[in-house]
Amino acid sequence: MKRKINLPAKFSLKKLLYNKRVTIPLSIITAFVFWLVIMISQNPDIDRTFTDISVNINLENTFVSENGMEIIGDISSQKFTVTIKGPSYVVSALQPGDFYVYASAAAINAPGEYQLEVSGGKNTAVSDYEFISISPATVNLQFDYVDTKEFTVKARAEGASAIEGLIAETAVVSGTESDTITIKGPRTVINEIATVEAYASVNEILSESTTYDAEIRLFNEAGEAIDMTNLTLSEKAVKVTVPISKSITVPVVADFTNLPDGFQKSSIAYSVDHQTVTVIGKPEAINKITQVTLSAIDITSVSLSSNKFDVSPKLPDGVRLLDSIEHFTVTVNTSDYVEKTFTVSSIRSKGLSSGLSATSDTAIRNVKICGPKNVISKLKDDMLYAFVDLSDKAMGEHTVTVTIGSDSYNNIWQVGSYSTTVKIK
């Protein structure tokens, strides 16, 4: 039995042309091709304007970059309007990223402000268009070296005062590790800075020390404010403290050390070049002060030939001298004193550990003693002894410093330092 084979129907162009699935897309494509041909053949040019375009400044291989200068300020704030002309099919397809606005810094050879002409450039291979206008036609730029410098900040608390009986002192910078600030910016501006101020508007009557937020201000030598726009500060805001203090005038008292046992400081006659002094500080500290005591004078350094001493005051924390006094001169009155040398054989000690004893075979000779005339005239060698502290000494032989004393008189002292050798066993 023979198998029947079905052959494909004969292709019919007429049927194809009447098929809507084919004719509609074909018509659209044909219309677009004809439109494109007409547009290209007639080549109509159109203008198109772009706004808010930034400028590019190429510093590569220029004097500016090779000598460490920079553009000062934010040039991105300068925007340009660009008008482009070309075939409509080209211009209508352009995007702001397809072109750019630029200015050349090739002619810049020194710091200063410059007005540079701007031009247009093309970023894409499509170049069948031209720049009609760029507005503004120039860009204003400032070129300068950039320096970094450290300044001391001065605090200013405007309108700060204290209640009656207290003092509002000069404000100080607080809230930072130091009273200095680092500023970075154009050299021409940095060189103008004469004063850096931490300013706070207080306008209050204060009863205690108070801290305020402050802003940094810059001034030139003429006291005129400096624009901080192009500057970078290590501290943008700081604090200022207004110290509230109290002052009082008190007597000045000398002090002495290394006095023999029983020697009364009150028996030493002396004078001070400043008998009274004014101190200032925290009210709670000032309220406790009745006198200013000077640093101690070693009595062994006082003699007929050495009786003047420059000493400093001992002040509690938060208290200082209001007067500009670097030191005080204490003069010990030695007019009623005399000096004489003795030999001291008696050695006394303290601090020996249990079971140990100390001996000395050597007398201390040429020991100069100072004291009242009537006492020195009666003083004998055997009325003196040498006292040593052996608290930290072990068995063996030691050379130790001695303090000369007397059981008979307590208003005499040794002049200079002396030592002896002791044996501990």
Protein backbone atom coordinates (compact mmCIF):
# COMPACT_ATOMS: atom_id res chain seq x y z
CA MET A 1 0.00 0.00 0.00
CA LYS A 2 1.39 3.41 -0.94
CA ARG A 3 1.89 6.20 1.76
CA LYS A 4 0.45 9.66 0.89
CA ILE A 5 2.84 12.61 1.26
CA ASN A 6 1.47 16.14 2.06
CA LEU A 7 3.47 18.88 0.28
CA PRO A 8 3.70 22.45 1.69
CA ALA A 9 1.37 24.97 0.20
CA LYS A 10 2.76 27.12 -2.55
CA PHE A 11 4.23 30.44 -1.29
CA SER A 12 2.00 33.37 -2.12
CA LEU A 13 3.38 36.97 -2.01
CA LYS A 14 -0.09 38.31 -2.43
CA LYS A 15 -1.25 36.58 0.73
CA LEU A 16 1.82 37.86 2.59
CA LEU A 17 1.11 41.47 1.61
CA TYR A 18 -2.42 41.15 2.95
CA ASN A 19 -1.25 39.63 6.22
CA LYS A 20 -1.61 42.29 9.00
CA ARG A 21 1.02 40.61 11.15
CA VAL A 22 3.54 41.47 8.49
CA THR A 23 2.26 44.69 6.98
CA ILE A 24 1.92 46.71 10.21
CA PRO A 25 5.53 46.25 11.48
CA LEU A 26 6.79 46.66 7.95
CA SER A 27 4.95 49.94 7.58
CA ILE A 28 6.45 51.29 10.81
CA ILE A 29 9.98 50.33 9.84
CA THR A 30 9.52 51.78 6.37
CA ALA A 31 8.18 55.05 7.77
CA PHE A 32 11.11 55.38 10.20
CA VAL A 33 13.62 54.71 7.42
CA PHE A 34 12.01 57.35 5.19
CA TRP A 35 11.98 59.83 8.12
CA LEU A 36 15.59 59.13 8.90
CA VAL A 37 16.57 59.53 5.26
CA ILE A 38 14.73 62.83 5.04
CA MET A 39 16.25 64.12 8.30
CA ILE A 40 19.74 63.17 7.23
CA SER A 41 19.34 64.44 3.71
CA GLN A 42 17.92 67.78 4.76
CA ASN A 43 20.32 67.97 7.79
CA PRO A 44 18.35 70.46 9.91
CA ASP A 45 20.48 72.01 12.72
CA ILE A 46 19.03 72.85 16.11
CA ASP A 47 20.29 74.66 19.23
CA ARG A 48 20.14 73.09 22.66
CA THR A 49 21.04 74.66 26.00
CA PHE A 50 22.44 72.80 29.02
CA THR A 51 22.57 74.40 32.47
CA ASP A 52 24.31 73.71 35.77
CA ILE A 53 27.54 72.51 34.15
CA SER A 54 30.70 72.40 36.28
CA VAL A 55 34.13 73.48 35.08
CA ASN A 56 37.22 71.27 34.88
CA ILE A 57 40.68 72.67 35.68
CA ASN A 58 43.59 70.52 34.58
CA LEU A 59 46.69 71.30 36.66
CA GLU A 60 48.87 68.49 35.34
CA ASN A 61 52.32 69.64 34.18
CA THR A 62 51.66 73.26 35.15
CA PHE A 63 53.62 75.67 37.35
CA VAL A 64 50.81 75.33 39.89
CA SER A 65 51.20 71.60 40.45
CA GLU A 66 54.96 71.49 40.08
CA ASN A 67 55.44 74.18 42.75
CA GLY A 68 52.95 72.90 45.31
CA MET A 69 50.24 75.50 44.77
CA GLU A 70 46.55 74.68 44.88
CA ILE A 71 43.23 76.10 43.78
CA ILE A 72 41.77 77.88 46.79
CA GLY A 73 38.07 77.48 47.49
CA ASP A 74 35.30 75.30 46.10
CA ILE A 75 35.08 75.85 42.34
CA SER A 76 32.12 73.45 42.10
CA SER A 77 29.87 76.33 43.12
CA GLN A 78 30.60 78.06 39.81
CA LYS A 79 28.11 76.71 37.26
CA PHE A 80 27.93 77.34 33.52
CA THR A 81 25.25 77.41 30.82
CA VAL A 82 26.31 75.76 27.54
CA THR A 83 24.53 76.15 24.18
CA ILE A 84 25.31 73.55 21.52
CA LYS A 85 24.34 73.51 17.82
CA GLY A 86 24.22 70.60 15.42
CA PRO A 87 22.03 68.15 13.57
CA SER A 88 18.88 67.56 15.51
CA TYR A 89 19.37 63.80 15.63
CA VAL A 90 22.81 64.39 17.20
CA VAL A 91 22.04 67.27 19.51
CA SER A 92 18.79 65.80 20.80
CA ALA A 93 20.67 62.67 21.88
CA LEU A 94 23.44 64.51 23.78
CA GLN A 95 23.80 64.18 27.56
CA PRO A 96 25.75 66.52 29.91
CA GLY A 97 28.36 63.79 30.30
CA ASP A 98 29.10 63.82 26.55
CA PHE A 99 30.94 67.15 26.78
CA TYR A 100 32.73 69.30 29.36
CA VAL A 101 33.71 72.86 30.16
CA TYR A 102 37.35 73.54 31.00
CA ALA A 103 39.88 76.30 31.65
CA SER A 104 43.64 76.14 31.22
CA ALA A 105 46.00 76.99 34.08
CA ALA A 106 49.08 76.86 31.85
CA ALA A 107 49.70 80.60 32.14
CA ILE A 108 49.62 80.69 35.96
CA ASN A 109 53.11 81.33 37.37
CA ALA A 110 52.47 83.00 40.74
CA PRO A 111 49.91 83.04 43.58
CA GLY A 112 46.96 85.34 43.06
CA GLU A 113 43.44 85.69 41.71
CA TYR A 114 42.89 85.02 38.03
CA GLN A 115 40.05 85.20 35.52
CA LEU A 116 40.45 82.39 32.99
CA GLU A 117 38.55 81.87 29.76
CA VAL A 118 36.48 78.71 29.54
CA SER A 119 36.07 76.45 26.55
CA GLY A 120 34.09 73.36 25.64
CA GLY A 121 35.41 69.88 25.00
CA LYS A 122 33.90 66.64 23.73
CA ASN A 123 33.96 63.33 25.62
CA THR A 124 32.45 61.05 22.94
CA ALA A 125 33.27 60.00 19.38
CA VAL A 126 30.17 61.86 18.21
CA SER A 127 31.55 65.25 17.27
CA ASP A 128 29.11 66.53 14.65
CA TYR A 129 28.15 69.55 16.76
CA GLU A 130 29.66 72.83 17.91
CA PHE A 131 29.65 75.03 21.03
CA ILE A 132 27.70 78.22 20.34
CA SER A 133 28.18 79.87 23.74
CA ILE A 134 29.33 79.26 27.29
CA SER A 135 28.05 81.57 29.98
CA PRO A 136 29.75 82.99 31.89
CA ALA A 137 32.67 83.08 29.52
CA THR A 138 35.26 83.13 32.30
CA VAL A 139 35.91 81.43 35.64
CA ASN A 140 37.36 83.23 38.66
CA LEU A 141 40.09 81.23 40.42
CA GLN A 142 42.51 81.84 43.25
CA PHE A 143 45.86 80.04 43.34
CA ASP A 144 48.11 79.97 46.37
CA TYR A 145 50.49 77.90 48.43
CA VAL A 146 48.82 76.06 51.33
CA ASP A 147 50.51 76.33 54.73
CA THR A 148 49.83 74.88 58.18
CA LYS A 149 50.67 76.93 61.26
CA GLU A 150 50.05 76.73 65.00
CA PHE A 151 48.63 79.67 66.93
CA THR A 152 47.96 80.42 70.59
CA VAL A 153 44.28 80.99 71.33
CA LYS A 154 43.34 83.92 73.57
CA ALA A 155 40.08 83.64 75.47
CA ARG A 156 37.58 86.49 75.56
CA ALA A 157 34.47 86.45 77.74
CA GLU A 158 32.49 89.57 76.90
CA GLY A 159 30.52 91.13 79.72
CA ALA A 160 31.81 88.87 82.53
CA SER A 161 31.97 90.40 86.02
CA ALA A 162 31.95 89.19 89.64
CA ILE A 163 29.82 89.93 92.67
CA GLU A 164 31.15 92.36 95.25
CA GLY A 165 34.16 91.04 97.15
CA LEU A 166 35.24 88.71 94.33
CA ILE A 167 37.26 89.21 91.16
CA ALA A 168 36.44 88.08 87.61
CA GLU A 169 39.84 87.21 86.21
CA THR A 170 40.89 87.05 82.59
CA ALA A 171 39.12 84.20 80.82
CA VAL A 172 41.15 81.14 79.84
CA VAL A 173 40.72 78.54 77.12
CA SER A 174 39.33 75.25 78.42
CA GLY A 175 37.89 72.01 77.10
CA THR A 176 40.99 71.23 75.00
CA GLU A 177 44.37 69.68 75.75
CA SER A 178 46.15 73.00 75.17
CA ASP A 179 45.49 76.61 74.30
CA THR A 180 46.89 76.23 70.80
CA ILE A 181 45.17 75.61 67.47
CA THR A 182 46.45 74.47 64.07
CA ILE A 183 45.19 76.32 61.01
CA LYS A 184 45.65 75.21 57.40
CA GLY A 185 44.95 77.45 54.44
CA PRO A 186 46.25 79.85 51.78
CA ARG A 187 49.62 81.33 52.66
CA THR A 188 48.41 84.88 52.04
CA VAL A 189 45.64 84.39 54.60
CA ILE A 190 47.76 82.47 57.12
CA ASN A 191 50.34 85.28 57.07
CA GLU A 192 47.64 87.82 57.91
CA ILE A 193 46.57 86.09 61.13
CA ALA A 194 47.78 88.06 64.15
CA THR A 195 45.29 86.99 66.81
CA VAL A 196 43.21 83.86 67.33
CA GLU A 197 40.39 84.45 69.78
CA ALA A 198 37.96 82.13 71.55
CA TYR A 199 34.93 84.37 71.99
CA ALA A 200 31.99 83.89 74.34
CA SER A 201 29.19 86.35 75.03
CA VAL A 202 28.69 86.17 78.82
CA ASN A 203 27.09 89.39 80.09
CA GLU A 204 26.61 87.98 83.59
CA ILE A 205 27.59 88.79 87.17
CA LEU A 206 29.25 85.64 88.51
CA SER A 207 29.75 84.26 92.01
CA GLU A 208 31.83 81.25 90.95
CA SER A 209 34.03 80.14 88.09
CA THR A 210 31.91 79.33 85.01
CA THR A 211 32.63 77.75 81.62
CA TYR A 212 31.01 78.79 78.33
CA ASP A 213 30.95 77.55 74.75
CA ALA A 214 33.05 79.77 72.51
CA GLU A 215 33.64 80.32 68.82
CA ILE A 216 36.97 80.83 67.10
CA ARG A 217 37.60 84.25 65.58
CA LEU A 218 40.63 85.44 63.61
CA PHE A 219 42.01 88.98 63.39
CA ASN A 220 44.83 90.75 61.57
CA GLU A 221 47.27 93.28 63.02
CA ALA A 222 44.70 96.08 62.56
CA GLY A 223 42.10 94.15 64.54
CA GLU A 224 40.00 93.41 61.47
CA ALA A 225 38.20 90.08 61.20
CA ILE A 226 39.66 87.55 58.77
CA ASP A 227 37.41 85.50 56.49
CA MET A 228 37.71 81.84 57.51
CA THR A 229 36.03 80.39 54.40
CA ASN A 230 39.11 78.73 52.94
CA LEU A 231 40.72 77.75 56.24
CA THR A 232 40.74 74.42 58.05
CA LEU A 233 40.94 74.60 61.85
CA SER A 234 41.98 71.76 64.14
CA GLU A 235 39.38 73.04 66.62
CA LYS A 236 36.18 74.62 65.33
CA ALA A 237 34.69 75.35 68.74
CA VAL A 238 36.27 75.54 72.18
CA LYS A 239 35.26 76.59 75.68
CA VAL A 240 36.33 79.50 77.81
CA THR A 241 36.31 79.60 81.59
CA VAL A 242 35.93 82.77 83.63
CA PRO A 243 37.83 82.19 86.93
CA ILE A 244 36.22 83.89 89.91
CA SER A 245 38.83 84.64 92.55
CA LYS A 246 39.41 86.43 95.81
CA SER A 247 42.43 88.41 96.99
CA ILE A 248 43.84 89.19 100.42
CA THR A 249 46.96 90.88 101.80
CA VAL A 250 48.87 88.86 104.41
CA PRO A 251 52.26 89.00 106.19
CA VAL A 252 55.30 87.16 104.83
CA VAL A 253 57.08 84.75 107.21
CA ALA A 254 60.52 83.14 106.79
CA ASP A 255 61.07 79.49 107.59
CA PHE A 256 64.17 77.59 108.72
CA THR A 257 65.18 73.94 108.67
CA ASN A 258 67.84 71.67 110.24
CA LEU A 259 67.47 73.46 113.57
CA PRO A 260 69.00 71.75 116.63
CA ASP A 261 66.57 70.19 119.10
CA GLY A 262 64.97 72.84 121.25
CA PHE A 263 66.01 75.68 118.94
CA GLN A 264 63.04 78.01 118.56
CA LYS A 265 62.49 79.57 115.14
CA SER A 266 61.03 82.59 116.88
CA SER A 267 64.47 83.36 118.37
CA ILE A 268 65.94 84.06 114.90
CA ALA A 269 65.84 87.74 114.04
CA TYR A 270 65.39 88.42 110.33
CA SER A 271 63.80 90.84 107.88
CA VAL A 272 62.08 90.28 104.50
CA ASP A 273 62.24 92.77 101.64
CA HIS A 274 58.45 92.40 101.26
CA GLN A 275 56.82 92.25 104.66
CA THR A 276 53.33 91.77 103.24
CA VAL A 277 52.04 90.41 99.96
CA THR A 278 48.71 90.16 98.16
CA VAL A 279 47.63 86.70 97.07
CA ILE A 280 44.77 85.78 94.78
CA GLY A 281 43.06 82.48 94.03
CA LYS A 282 40.05 80.34 94.62
CA PRO A 283 37.89 81.85 97.38
CA GLU A 284 37.84 78.62 99.39
CA ALA A 285 41.66 78.50 99.37
CA ILE A 286 42.14 82.20 100.11
CA ASN A 287 39.84 81.98 103.12
CA LYS A 288 42.30 79.58 104.78
CA ILE A 289 45.37 81.78 104.34
CA THR A 290 46.64 83.91 107.25
CA GLN A 291 50.25 84.32 106.10
CA VAL A 292 52.61 83.39 103.28
CA THR A 293 55.45 81.15 104.40
CA LEU A 294 58.66 81.19 102.39
CA SER A 295 60.69 78.14 101.41
CA ALA A 296 62.87 77.00 104.31
CA ILE A 297 66.41 78.28 104.79
CA ASP A 298 68.91 75.69 106.04
CA ILE A 299 70.18 77.11 109.32
CA THR A 300 73.59 75.53 108.72
CA SER A 301 74.06 77.89 105.75
CA VAL A 302 73.59 80.97 107.97
CA SER A 303 76.80 82.60 109.15
CA LEU A 304 78.29 86.02 109.79
CA SER A 305 79.45 86.16 106.18
CA SER A 306 76.33 84.60 104.65
CA ASN A 307 73.08 85.97 105.97
CA LYS A 308 71.05 86.93 102.86
CA PHE A 309 68.94 84.39 101.02
CA ASP A 310 66.66 84.57 97.99
CA VAL A 311 63.68 82.28 98.54
CA SER A 312 60.31 81.61 96.94
CA PRO A 313 56.87 81.50 98.57
CA LYS A 314 55.08 78.26 99.40
CA LEU A 315 51.53 78.64 98.11
CA PRO A 316 48.62 76.17 98.13
CA ASP A 317 47.15 74.93 94.88
CA GLY A 318 45.00 77.51 93.14
CA VAL A 319 46.70 80.46 94.85
CA ARG A 320 49.27 82.83 93.38
CA LEU A 321 50.88 86.16 94.09
CA LEU A 322 49.03 89.14 92.72
CA ASP A 323 52.24 91.18 92.95
CA SER A 324 54.95 90.63 90.37
CA ILE A 325 57.55 89.26 92.79
CA GLU A 326 59.96 86.62 91.51
CA HIS A 327 61.57 85.94 94.87
CA PHE A 328 61.89 87.29 98.42
CA THR A 329 65.16 88.28 100.08
CA VAL A 330 65.47 87.21 103.71
CA THR A 331 68.21 88.86 105.76
CA VAL A 332 69.09 87.14 109.04
CA ASN A 333 70.22 89.63 111.70
CA THR A 334 73.60 88.31 112.88
CA SER A 335 74.80 91.51 114.54
CA ASP A 336 74.56 89.95 118.01
CA TYR A 337 76.11 86.66 116.97
CA VAL A 338 79.67 85.38 116.89
CA GLU A 339 81.36 82.27 115.50
CA LYS A 340 83.90 79.94 117.06
CA THR A 341 85.36 76.54 116.19
CA PHE A 342 85.21 73.50 118.50
CA THR A 343 86.20 69.83 118.62
CA VAL A 344 83.29 67.46 119.15
CA SER A 345 84.06 64.02 120.55
CA SER A 346 80.67 62.85 121.85
CA ILE A 347 78.68 60.87 119.28
CA ARG A 348 75.01 60.04 119.81
CA SER A 349 72.90 57.92 117.54
CA LYS A 350 69.40 56.63 116.91
CA GLY A 351 67.80 54.01 114.74
CA LEU A 352 70.18 51.09 115.39
CA SER A 353 68.63 47.65 115.10
CA SER A 354 68.39 45.59 118.29
CA GLY A 355 71.65 43.90 119.23
CA LEU A 356 73.87 46.41 117.40
CA SER A 357 76.11 49.12 118.86
CA ALA A 358 77.98 52.02 117.25
CA THR A 359 81.31 53.57 118.17
CA SER A 360 83.47 56.31 116.71
CA ASP A 361 87.18 56.68 117.37
CA THR A 362 87.51 59.97 115.55
CA ALA A 363 86.65 63.37 117.00
CA ILE A 364 85.11 65.96 114.70
CA ARG A 365 87.45 68.92 114.57
CA ASN A 366 87.07 72.52 113.44
CA VAL A 367 83.31 72.56 113.89
CA LYS A 368 82.15 76.16 113.47
CA ILE A 369 79.37 77.14 115.82
CA CYS A 370 77.37 80.36 115.59
CA GLY A 371 75.32 81.86 118.40
CA PRO A 372 74.81 84.79 120.74
CA LYS A 373 78.00 86.35 122.05
CA ASN A 374 77.24 85.61 125.69
CA VAL A 375 76.59 81.94 124.90
CA ILE A 376 79.59 81.30 122.66
CA SER A 377 81.87 82.81 125.29
CA LYS A 378 80.73 80.13 127.76
CA LEU A 379 80.55 77.21 125.34
CA LYS A 380 83.08 74.36 125.77
CA ASP A 381 83.94 71.34 123.61
CA ASP A 382 82.39 68.91 126.06
CA MET A 383 79.08 70.82 125.92
CA LEU A 384 78.61 69.74 122.29
CA TYR A 385 77.65 66.41 120.75
CA ALA A 386 77.28 65.02 117.24
CA PHE A 387 73.99 63.31 116.47
CA VAL A 388 73.75 60.64 113.72
CA ASP A 389 70.83 58.68 112.33
CA LEU A 390 71.75 55.02 111.73
CA SER A 391 68.29 53.72 110.85
CA ASP A 392 69.33 52.22 107.51
CA LYS A 393 72.81 51.07 108.50
CA ALA A 394 73.98 47.47 108.93
CA MET A 395 77.14 46.07 110.56
CA GLY A 396 80.36 47.56 109.29
CA GLU A 397 82.05 50.93 108.98
CA HIS A 398 80.06 53.93 107.68
CA THR A 399 80.73 57.59 107.02
CA VAL A 400 77.66 59.54 108.10
CA THR A 401 76.57 63.17 108.25
CA VAL A 402 76.17 64.61 111.72
CA THR A 403 74.05 67.29 113.35
CA ILE A 404 75.75 69.26 116.13
CA GLY A 405 73.73 69.93 119.29
CA SER A 406 74.13 70.96 122.91
CA ASP A 407 72.35 70.02 126.10
CA SER A 408 73.36 73.33 127.65
CA TYR A 409 72.19 75.78 124.96
CA ASN A 410 69.47 75.54 122.32
CA ASN A 411 70.08 78.85 120.53
CA ILE A 412 73.30 77.90 118.73
CA TRP A 413 73.83 76.13 115.38
CA GLN A 414 76.57 74.62 113.27
CA VAL A 415 77.82 76.47 110.20
CA GLY A 416 78.37 74.10 107.30
CA SER A 417 78.12 70.31 107.15
CA TYR A 418 80.22 67.73 108.95
CA SER A 419 80.58 63.96 108.97
CA THR A 420 82.24 61.20 110.97
CA THR A 421 83.02 57.52 110.70
CA VAL A 422 81.16 55.02 112.88
CA LYS A 423 81.65 51.30 113.35
CA ILE A 424 78.58 49.17 113.85
CA LYS A 425 79.01 45.73 115.46
